[in-house]
PDB file of N, CA and C in Angstrom:
ATOM      1  N   MET A   1      92.478  89.030 120.825  1.00  0.00           N
ATOM      2  CA  MET A   1      92.551  88.781 119.402  1.00  0.00           C
ATOM      3  C   MET A   1      92.377  90.099 118.661  1.00  0.00           C
ATOM      4  N   HIS A   2      93.238  90.327 117.713  1.00  0.00           N
ATOM      5  CA  HIS A   2      93.195  91.566 116.938  1.00  0.00           C
ATOM      6  C   HIS A   2      92.372  91.356 115.671  1.00  0.00           C
ATOM      7  N   GLU A   3      91.369  92.193 115.500  1.00  0.00           N
ATOM      8  CA  GLU A   3      90.554  92.116 114.289  1.00  0.00           C
ATOM      9  C   GLU A   3      90.862  93.318 113.413  1.00  0.00           C
ATOM     10  N   ASP A   4      91.206  93.055 112.185  1.00  0.00           N
ATOM     11  CA  ASP A   4      91.498  94.122 111.237  1.00  0.00           C
ATOM     12  C   ASP A   4      90.530  93.989 110.072  1.00  0.00           C
ATOM     13  N   ASN A   5      89.665  94.975 109.913  1.00  0.00           N
ATOM     14  CA  ASN A   5      88.640  94.870 108.874  1.00  0.00           C
ATOM     15  C   ASN A   5      89.023  95.623 107.607  1.00  0.00           C
ATOM     16  N   HIS A   6      90.220  96.146 107.534  1.00  0.00           N
ATOM     17  CA  HIS A   6      90.734  96.819 106.336  1.00  0.00           C
ATOM     18  C   HIS A   6      89.824  97.948 105.851  1.00  0.00           C
ATOM     19  N   GLY A   7      89.167  98.633 106.761  1.00  0.00           N
ATOM     20  CA  GLY A   7      88.369  99.795 106.388  1.00  0.00           C
ATOM     21  C   GLY A   7      86.985  99.489 105.867  1.00  0.00           C
ATOM     22  N   HIS A   8      86.511  98.270 106.038  1.00  0.00           N
ATOM     23  CA  HIS A   8      85.162  97.941 105.594  1.00  0.00           C
ATOM     24  C   HIS A   8      84.172  98.555 106.581  1.00  0.00           C
ATOM     25  N   SER A   9      83.721  99.754 106.266  1.00  0.00           N
ATOM     26  CA  SER A   9      82.799 100.459 107.144  1.00  0.00           C
ATOM     27  C   SER A   9      81.808 101.235 106.300  1.00  0.00           C
ATOM     28  N   LYS A  10      80.740 101.656 106.939  1.00  0.00           N
ATOM     29  CA  LYS A  10      79.737 102.463 106.228  1.00  0.00           C
ATOM     30  C   LYS A  10      80.347 103.766 105.735  1.00  0.00           C
ATOM     31  N   ALA A  11      81.223 104.345 106.527  1.00  0.00           N
ATOM     32  CA  ALA A  11      81.870 105.598 106.123  1.00  0.00           C
ATOM     33  C   ALA A  11      82.721 105.393 104.878  1.00  0.00           C
ATOM     34  N   ALA A  12      83.496 104.329 104.853  1.00  0.00           N
ATOM     35  CA  ALA A  12      84.373 104.065 103.711  1.00  0.00           C
ATOM     36  C   ALA A  12      83.569 103.762 102.456  1.00  0.00           C
ATOM     37  N   TRP A  13      82.577 102.903 102.572  1.00  0.00           N
ATOM     38  CA  TRP A  13      81.770 102.546 101.399  1.00  0.00           C
ATOM     39  C   TRP A  13      81.031 103.755 100.845  1.00  0.00           C
ATOM     40  N   THR A  14      80.461 104.574 101.708  1.00  0.00           N
ATOM     41  CA  THR A  14      79.726 105.750 101.246  1.00  0.00           C
ATOM     42  C   THR A  14      80.662 106.757 100.601  1.00  0.00           C
ATOM     43  N   GLY A  15      81.783 107.027 101.241  1.00  0.00           N
ATOM     44  CA  GLY A  15      82.741 107.972 100.676  1.00  0.00           C
ATOM     45  C   GLY A  15      83.263 107.538  99.324  1.00  0.00           C
ATOM     46  N   VAL A  16      83.602 106.261  99.198  1.00  0.00           N
ATOM     47  CA  VAL A  16      84.113 105.756  97.926  1.00  0.00           C
ATOM     48  C   VAL A  16      83.024 105.769  96.858  1.00  0.00           C
ATOM     49  N   ALA A  17      81.789 105.473  97.223  1.00  0.00           N
ATOM     50  CA  ALA A  17      80.694 105.508  96.245  1.00  0.00           C
ATOM     51  C   ALA A  17      80.492 106.917  95.695  1.00  0.00           C
ATOM     52  N   VAL A  18      80.508 107.912  96.576  1.00  0.00           N
ATOM     53  CA  VAL A  18      80.366 109.304  96.129  1.00  0.00           C
ATOM     54  C   VAL A  18      81.541 109.686  95.236  1.00  0.00           C
ATOM     55  N   MET A  19      82.743 109.301  95.628  1.00  0.00           N
ATOM     56  CA  MET A  19      83.928 109.614  94.825  1.00  0.00           C
ATOM     57  C   MET A  19      83.895 108.910  93.468  1.00  0.00           C
ATOM     58  N   LEU A  20      83.393 107.687  93.430  1.00  0.00           N
ATOM     59  CA  LEU A  20      83.313 106.945  92.170  1.00  0.00           C
ATOM     60  C   LEU A  20      82.346 107.606  91.197  1.00  0.00           C
ATOM     61  N   VAL A  21      81.176 108.007  91.677  1.00  0.00           N
ATOM     62  CA  VAL A  21      80.208 108.697  90.819  1.00  0.00           C
ATOM     63  C   VAL A  21      80.795 110.013  90.321  1.00  0.00           C
ATOM     64  N   ALA A  22      81.455 110.739  91.201  1.00  0.00           N
ATOM     65  CA  ALA A  22      82.067 112.011  90.810  1.00  0.00           C
ATOM     66  C   ALA A  22      83.159 111.803  89.772  1.00  0.00           C
ATOM     67  N   THR A  23      83.935 110.743  89.911  1.00  0.00           N
ATOM     68  CA  THR A  23      84.993 110.456  88.947  1.00  0.00           C
ATOM     69  C   THR A  23      84.416 110.105  87.584  1.00  0.00           C
ATOM     70  N   VAL A  24      83.364 109.310  87.566  1.00  0.00           N
ATOM     71  CA  VAL A  24      82.720 108.956  86.298  1.00  0.00           C
ATOM     72  C   VAL A  24      82.177 110.208  85.613  1.00  0.00           C
ATOM     73  N   LEU A  25      81.516 111.071  86.374  1.00  0.00           N
ATOM     74  CA  LEU A  25      81.009 112.324  85.793  1.00  0.00           C
ATOM     75  C   LEU A  25      82.147 113.195  85.277  1.00  0.00           C
ATOM     76  N   GLY A  26      83.200 113.309  86.053  1.00  0.00           N
ATOM     77  CA  GLY A  26      84.335 114.125  85.639  1.00  0.00           C
ATOM     78  C   GLY A  26      85.020 113.592  84.395  1.00  0.00           C
ATOM     79  N   CYS A  27      85.176 112.276  84.318  1.00  0.00           N
ATOM     80  CA  CYS A  27      85.798 111.681  83.126  1.00  0.00           C
ATOM     81  C   CYS A  27      84.917 111.854  81.900  1.00  0.00           C
ATOM     82  N   TYR A  28      83.621 111.665  82.065  1.00  0.00           N
ATOM     83  CA  TYR A  28      82.698 111.875  80.949  1.00  0.00           C
ATOM     84  C   TYR A  28      82.777 113.319  80.473  1.00  0.00           C
ATOM     85  N   ALA A  29      82.793 114.244  81.418  1.00  0.00           N
ATOM     86  CA  ALA A  29      82.834 115.663  81.066  1.00  0.00           C
ATOM     87  C   ALA A  29      84.155 116.042  80.416  1.00  0.00           C
ATOM     88  N   ALA A  30      85.238 115.402  80.814  1.00  0.00           N
ATOM     89  CA  ALA A  30      86.538 115.716  80.216  1.00  0.00           C
ATOM     90  C   ALA A  30      86.571 115.349  78.737  1.00  0.00           C
ATOM     91  N   VAL A  31      85.813 114.327  78.360  1.00  0.00           N
ATOM     92  CA  VAL A  31      85.816 113.883  76.970  1.00  0.00           C
ATOM     93  C   VAL A  31      84.659 114.480  76.172  1.00  0.00           C
ATOM     94  N   PHE A  32      83.449 114.435  76.714  1.00  0.00           N
ATOM     95  CA  PHE A  32      82.260 114.794  75.948  1.00  0.00           C
ATOM     96  C   PHE A  32      81.515 116.031  76.446  1.00  0.00           C
ATOM     97  N   GLY A  33      81.545 116.260  77.748  1.00  0.00           N
ATOM     98  CA  GLY A  33      80.621 117.211  78.343  1.00  0.00           C
ATOM     99  C   GLY A  33      81.148 118.614  78.489  1.00  0.00           C
ATOM    100  N   PRO A  34      80.323 119.447  79.067  1.00  0.00           N
ATOM    101  CA  PRO A  34      80.711 120.837  79.321  1.00  0.00           C
ATOM    102  C   PRO A  34      81.681 120.951  80.500  1.00  0.00           C
ATOM    103  N   ALA A  35      82.343 122.078  80.567  1.00  0.00           N
ATOM    104  CA  ALA A  35      83.346 122.306  81.613  1.00  0.00           C
ATOM    105  C   ALA A  35      82.725 122.322  83.006  1.00  0.00           C
ATOM    106  N   TRP A  36      81.489 122.800  83.123  1.00  0.00           N
ATOM    107  CA  TRP A  36      80.875 122.862  84.453  1.00  0.00           C
ATOM    108  C   TRP A  36      80.681 121.462  85.033  1.00  0.00           C
ATOM    109  N   LEU A  37      80.443 120.471  84.168  1.00  0.00           N
ATOM    110  CA  LEU A  37      80.273 119.103  84.654  1.00  0.00           C
ATOM    111  C   LEU A  37      81.606 118.537  85.153  1.00  0.00           C
ATOM    112  N   LEU A  38      82.683 118.919  84.508  1.00  0.00           N
ATOM    113  CA  LEU A  38      84.009 118.513  84.971  1.00  0.00           C
ATOM    114  C   LEU A  38      84.274 119.064  86.367  1.00  0.00           C
ATOM    115  N   TRP A  39      83.974 120.335  86.566  1.00  0.00           N
ATOM    116  CA  TRP A  39      84.187 120.943  87.883  1.00  0.00           C
ATOM    117  C   TRP A  39      83.224 120.381  88.921  1.00  0.00           C
ATOM    118  N   ALA A  40      82.022 120.009  88.492  1.00  0.00           N
ATOM    119  CA  ALA A  40      81.090 119.349  89.415  1.00  0.00           C
ATOM    120  C   ALA A  40      81.663 118.006  89.870  1.00  0.00           C
ATOM    121  N   GLY A  41      82.338 117.305  88.966  1.00  0.00           N
ATOM    122  CA  GLY A  41      82.997 116.059  89.334  1.00  0.00           C
ATOM    123  C   GLY A  41      84.122 116.268  90.327  1.00  0.00           C
ATOM    124  N   VAL A  42      84.890 117.326  90.134  1.00  0.00           N
ATOM    125  CA  VAL A  42      85.982 117.641  91.067  1.00  0.00           C
ATOM    126  C   VAL A  42      85.416 117.966  92.450  1.00  0.00           C
ATOM    127  N   VAL A  43      84.380 118.796  92.477  1.00  0.00           N
ATOM    128  CA  VAL A  43      83.749 119.158  93.752  1.00  0.00           C
ATOM    129  C   VAL A  43      83.124 117.927  94.399  1.00  0.00           C
ATOM    130  N   GLY A  44      82.485 117.087  93.594  1.00  0.00           N
ATOM    131  CA  GLY A  44      81.891 115.864  94.119  1.00  0.00           C
ATOM    132  C   GLY A  44      82.918 114.930  94.725  1.00  0.00           C
ATOM    133  N   PHE A  45      84.096 114.857  94.114  1.00  0.00           N
ATOM    134  CA  PHE A  45      85.163 114.014  94.648  1.00  0.00           C
ATOM    135  C   PHE A  45      85.609 114.518  96.018  1.00  0.00           C
ATOM    136  N   VAL A  46      85.797 115.813  96.134  1.00  0.00           N
ATOM    137  CA  VAL A  46      86.185 116.397  97.428  1.00  0.00           C
ATOM    138  C   VAL A  46      85.067 116.194  98.446  1.00  0.00           C
ATOM    139  N   LEU A  47      83.821 116.337  98.004  1.00  0.00           N
ATOM    140  CA  LEU A  47      82.680 116.114  98.890  1.00  0.00           C
ATOM    141  C   LEU A  47      82.658 114.673  99.402  1.00  0.00           C
ATOM    142  N   GLY A  48      83.023 113.731  98.554  1.00  0.00           N
ATOM    143  CA  GLY A  48      83.098 112.337  98.984  1.00  0.00           C
ATOM    144  C   GLY A  48      84.097 112.140 100.112  1.00  0.00           C
ATOM    145  N   ALA A  49      85.231 112.816 100.024  1.00  0.00           N
ATOM    146  CA  ALA A  49      86.229 112.735 101.094  1.00  0.00           C
ATOM    147  C   ALA A  49      85.699 113.353 102.384  1.00  0.00           C
ATOM    148  N   VAL A  50      84.979 114.453 102.260  1.00  0.00           N
ATOM    149  CA  VAL A  50      84.398 115.112 103.437  1.00  0.00           C
ATOM    150  C   VAL A  50      83.337 114.220 104.078  1.00  0.00           C
ATOM    151  N   VAL A  51      82.500 113.597 103.254  1.00  0.00           N
ATOM    152  CA  VAL A  51      81.472 112.686 103.765  1.00  0.00           C
ATOM    153  C   VAL A  51      82.121 111.519 104.508  1.00  0.00           C
ATOM    154  N   TRP A  52      83.165 110.968 103.925  1.00  0.00           N
ATOM    155  CA  TRP A  52      83.889 109.854 104.544  1.00  0.00           C
ATOM    156  C   TRP A  52      84.414 110.266 105.919  1.00  0.00           C
ATOM    157  N   TYR A  53      85.081 111.405 105.981  1.00  0.00           N
ATOM    158  CA  TYR A  53      85.653 111.883 107.239  1.00  0.00           C
ATOM    159  C   TYR A  53      84.557 112.156 108.275  1.00  0.00           C
ATOM    160  N   ALA A  54      83.486 112.823 107.846  1.00  0.00           N
ATOM    161  CA  ALA A  54      82.408 113.169 108.774  1.00  0.00           C
ATOM    162  C   ALA A  54      81.724 111.919 109.320  1.00  0.00           C
ATOM    163  N   MET A  55      81.484 110.946 108.461  1.00  0.00           N
ATOM    164  CA  MET A  55      80.846 109.713 108.927  1.00  0.00           C
ATOM    165  C   MET A  55      81.762 108.935 109.869  1.00  0.00           C
ATOM    166  N   ALA A  56      83.054 108.942 109.588  1.00  0.00           N
ATOM    167  CA  ALA A  56      83.998 108.261 110.476  1.00  0.00           C
ATOM    168  C   ALA A  56      84.044 108.948 111.837  1.00  0.00           C
ATOM    169  N   ARG A  57      84.023 110.256 111.843  1.00  0.00           N
ATOM    170  CA  ARG A  57      84.023 111.003 113.112  1.00  0.00           C
ATOM    171  C   ARG A  57      82.723 110.802 113.880  1.00  0.00           C
ATOM    172  N   ALA A  58      81.625 110.512 113.161  1.00  0.00           N
ATOM    173  CA  ALA A  58      80.333 110.283 113.807  1.00  0.00           C
ATOM    174  C   ALA A  58      80.214 108.866 114.367  1.00  0.00           C
ATOM    175  N   GLY A  59      81.256 108.061 114.199  1.00  0.00           N
ATOM    176  CA  GLY A  59      81.243 106.720 114.762  1.00  0.00           C
ATOM    177  C   GLY A  59      80.893 105.627 113.777  1.00  0.00           C
ATOM    178  N   LEU A  60      80.816 105.936 112.498  1.00  0.00           N
ATOM    179  CA  LEU A  60      80.479 104.938 111.492  1.00  0.00           C
ATOM    180  C   LEU A  60      81.713 104.418 110.763  1.00  0.00           C
ATOM    181  N   GLY A  61      82.883 104.716 111.296  1.00  0.00           N
ATOM    182  CA  GLY A  61      84.131 104.262 110.695  1.00  0.00           C
ATOM    183  C   GLY A  61      84.467 102.840 111.114  1.00  0.00           C
ATOM    184  N   SER A  62      85.663 102.396 110.777  1.00  0.00           N
ATOM    185  CA  SER A  62      86.068 101.024 111.074  1.00  0.00           C
ATOM    186  C   SER A  62      86.361 100.808 112.556  1.00  0.00           C
ATOM    187  N   ASP A  63      86.657 101.869 113.285  1.00  0.00           N
ATOM    188  CA  ASP A  63      86.926 101.772 114.718  1.00  0.00           C
ATOM    189  C   ASP A  63      86.118 102.848 115.440  1.00  0.00           C
ATOM    190  N   PRO A  64      84.864 102.545 115.801  1.00  0.00           N
ATOM    191  CA  PRO A  64      83.991 103.575 116.381  1.00  0.00           C
ATOM    192  C   PRO A  64      84.530 104.219 117.654  1.00  0.00           C
ATOM    193  N   GLU A  65      85.203 103.451 118.516  1.00  0.00           N
ATOM    194  CA  GLU A  65      85.709 104.043 119.756  1.00  0.00           C
ATOM    195  C   GLU A  65      86.782 105.077 119.485  1.00  0.00           C
ATOM    196  N   ARG A  66      87.689 104.779 118.562  1.00  0.00           N
ATOM    197  CA  ARG A  66      88.776 105.702 118.247  1.00  0.00           C
ATOM    198  C   ARG A  66      88.291 106.878 117.408  1.00  0.00           C
ATOM    199  N   SER A  67      87.249 106.698 116.612  1.00  0.00           N
ATOM    200  CA  SER A  67      86.764 107.756 115.730  1.00  0.00           C
ATOM    201  C   SER A  67      86.209 108.933 116.508  1.00  0.00           C
ATOM    202  N   ARG A  68      85.579 108.663 117.623  1.00  0.00           N
ATOM    203  CA  ARG A  68      84.926 109.730 118.388  1.00  0.00           C
ATOM    204  C   ARG A  68      85.868 110.460 119.326  1.00  0.00           C
ATOM    205  N   ALA A  69      87.060 109.965 119.512  1.00  0.00           N
ATOM    206  CA  ALA A  69      88.009 110.557 120.463  1.00  0.00           C
ATOM    207  C   ALA A  69      88.496 111.915 120.022  1.00  0.00           C
TER     208      ALA A  69
END
């Protein structure tokens, strides 16, 4: 039986949460805040992608056996 969890994993949830916070900060900074906060949002978004990838490689992704290969 094939199980497809559509990416529901600790790595995916953590990465998306970091990216969501970074996006909110970046959008706020684009309208109201200083430029450094906008760039912090951009860096935070990239960091979220790195966290997602690193956690998936550590075996916390949707397919732990394939992630470590």
